Protein backbone atom coordinates (compact mmCIF):
# COMPACT_ATOMS: atom_id res chain seq x y z
CA UNK A 1 38.02 157.03 283.98
CA UNK A 2 37.67 160.07 281.74
CA UNK A 3 34.91 162.56 282.54
CA UNK A 4 32.74 163.98 279.77
CA UNK A 5 33.49 167.60 278.94
CA UNK A 6 30.71 170.14 279.39
CA UNK A 7 29.21 171.53 276.19
CA UNK A 8 30.95 174.91 276.51
CA UNK A 9 34.39 173.36 277.04
CA UNK A 10 33.83 170.91 274.22
CA UNK A 11 32.76 173.67 271.81
CA UNK A 12 35.80 175.74 272.81
CA UNK A 13 38.18 172.82 272.20
CA UNK A 14 36.81 171.58 268.86
CA UNK A 15 38.05 174.50 266.70
CA UNK A 16 41.68 173.51 267.40
CA UNK A 17 41.34 170.67 264.90
CA UNK A 18 42.55 171.75 261.46
CA UNK A 19 43.33 168.86 259.20
CA UNK A 20 44.28 165.56 260.76
CA UNK A 21 47.53 163.84 261.58
CA UNK A 22 45.97 160.42 262.05
CA UNK A 23 43.13 158.39 260.68
CA UNK A 24 41.54 155.87 263.02
CA UNK A 25 39.95 152.74 261.58
CA UNK A 26 36.55 151.57 262.81
CA UNK A 27 35.96 147.84 262.93
CA UNK A 28 33.12 148.22 260.38
CA UNK A 29 35.42 149.78 257.79
CA UNK A 30 35.15 153.55 257.92
CA UNK A 31 37.93 155.79 259.19
CA UNK A 32 37.70 158.93 261.30
CA UNK A 33 39.91 161.92 262.05
CA UNK A 34 41.73 163.27 265.11
CA UNK A 35 38.91 165.74 265.71
CA UNK A 36 36.28 163.02 265.74
CA UNK A 37 38.42 160.87 268.05
CA UNK A 38 38.70 163.84 270.42
CA UNK A 39 34.92 164.33 270.27
CA UNK A 40 34.24 160.62 270.85
CA UNK A 41 36.58 160.50 273.85
CA UNK A 42 35.48 163.77 275.46
CA UNK A 43 31.74 163.50 274.78
CA UNK A 44 31.78 159.74 275.44
CA UNK A 45 30.12 159.10 272.10
CA UNK A 46 31.93 156.24 270.39
CA UNK A 47 28.38 154.87 270.12
CA UNK A 48 27.70 157.59 267.55
CA UNK A 49 30.54 156.42 265.30
CA UNK A 50 29.21 152.86 265.74
CA UNK A 51 25.71 153.99 264.74
CA UNK A 52 26.91 155.74 261.58
CA UNK A 53 29.16 152.80 260.66
CA UNK A 54 26.30 150.35 261.19
CA UNK A 55 24.17 152.15 258.58
CA UNK A 56 26.82 151.97 255.84
CA UNK A 57 25.52 148.78 254.20
CA UNK A 58 22.18 150.49 253.57
CA UNK A 59 23.75 153.87 252.76
CA UNK A 60 26.14 152.47 250.16
CA UNK A 61 23.25 150.82 248.29
CA UNK A 62 21.91 154.32 247.61
CA UNK A 63 23.89 155.77 244.65
CA UNK A 64 23.35 159.29 246.00
CA UNK A 65 25.05 158.40 249.30
CA UNK A 66 28.08 156.52 247.92
CA UNK A 67 30.42 159.52 247.66
CA UNK A 68 29.04 161.86 250.30
CA UNK A 69 26.82 161.61 253.37
CA UNK A 70 25.73 164.33 255.78
CA UNK A 71 24.83 162.93 259.19
CA UNK A 72 23.06 165.08 261.78
CA UNK A 73 22.50 164.26 265.43
CA UNK A 74 19.81 166.50 266.92
CA UNK A 75 19.15 166.24 270.64
CA UNK A 76 15.67 167.22 271.83
CA UNK A 77 14.08 170.18 270.05
CA UNK A 78 17.41 171.82 269.25
CA UNK A 79 17.17 171.64 265.44
CA UNK A 80 14.71 173.86 263.61
CA UNK A 81 12.88 170.92 261.96
CA UNK A 82 14.75 167.66 262.63
CA UNK A 83 13.08 166.36 265.79
CA UNK A 84 13.01 162.99 267.55
CA UNK A 85 9.68 161.23 267.74
CA UNK A 86 7.81 161.25 271.07
CA UNK A 87 9.47 159.06 273.68
CA UNK A 88 12.94 159.56 272.16
CA UNK A 89 15.65 161.94 273.28
CA UNK A 90 17.50 162.42 269.96
CA UNK A 91 17.49 161.55 266.29
CA UNK A 92 20.32 160.63 263.93
CA UNK A 93 19.64 161.32 260.25
CA UNK A 94 21.59 160.84 257.03
CA UNK A 95 21.15 163.23 254.10
CA UNK A 96 22.42 163.42 250.54
CA UNK A 97 22.87 167.18 250.92
CA UNK A 98 21.59 170.04 253.05
CA UNK A 99 18.40 168.98 254.86
CA UNK A 100 15.17 170.47 253.53
CA UNK A 101 11.98 170.87 255.53
CA UNK A 102 9.41 168.34 254.32
CA UNK A 103 11.98 166.02 252.71
CA UNK A 104 12.47 162.66 254.40
CA UNK A 105 16.12 161.66 254.96
CA UNK A 106 17.22 158.34 253.43
CA UNK A 107 18.28 157.03 256.87
CA UNK A 108 16.82 157.84 260.28
CA UNK A 109 17.56 156.37 263.69
CA UNK A 110 15.56 157.38 266.74
CA UNK A 111 17.63 157.44 269.94
CA UNK A 112 15.69 156.77 273.11
CA UNK A 113 18.29 158.28 275.46
CA UNK A 114 21.55 160.16 275.14
CA UNK A 115 23.53 162.47 277.36
CA UNK A 116 25.42 163.87 274.35
CA UNK A 117 26.38 167.38 275.51
CA UNK A 118 25.88 169.34 272.26
CA UNK A 119 22.40 170.13 270.93
CA UNK A 120 23.25 169.50 267.25
CA UNK A 121 26.31 168.15 265.49
CA UNK A 122 26.97 167.29 261.86
CA UNK A 123 29.25 164.68 260.38
CA UNK A 124 30.47 164.36 256.83
CA UNK A 125 31.32 160.96 255.44
CA UNK A 126 33.46 161.24 252.31
CA UNK A 127 35.58 158.50 250.79
CA UNK A 128 34.89 156.33 253.86
CA UNK A 129 36.30 159.00 256.22
CA UNK A 130 34.04 160.43 258.92
CA UNK A 131 34.60 164.07 259.90
CA UNK A 132 32.70 166.09 262.51
CA UNK A 133 31.32 169.55 261.79
CA UNK A 134 30.13 171.85 264.56
CA UNK A 135 27.86 174.82 264.02
CA UNK A 136 28.86 177.17 261.22
CA UNK A 137 32.57 176.41 261.42
CA UNK A 138 33.99 174.91 258.20
CA UNK A 139 34.58 171.49 259.79
CA UNK A 140 36.62 170.89 262.89
CA UNK A 141 37.28 173.53 261.54
CA UNK A 142 38.76 172.21 258.28
CA UNK A 143 39.57 168.53 258.56
CA UNK A 144 37.93 167.97 255.22
């Protein structure tokens, strides 16, 4: 049984990913990179890939989300304005572009409980490939 990495160790390990050698196929059709596989294994968050994949039918009906999607998972009050509703521990949102205060994202999923170790993480979905982005680094750091 693999043990989840602590946030500090996870953040220190993520920048090693530059490009990808492999693409992994999700059962619902999207693919993801080495960096995202590492994140899913070490943060025990395959559920997060499942959640994003499960929203693709709705997302792809929106012409502004067909080519590019920005997904943000915010745990607790960690994001400046993307917050889970009361009684939930986190929120997963999908945006057409950079989030703007006062603008409602096209897709939102409240998450009652998560032990995801990072306060905020972003994912880009381009051409059916999901890539993780942490903090201000280019991607993981440049899998895009």
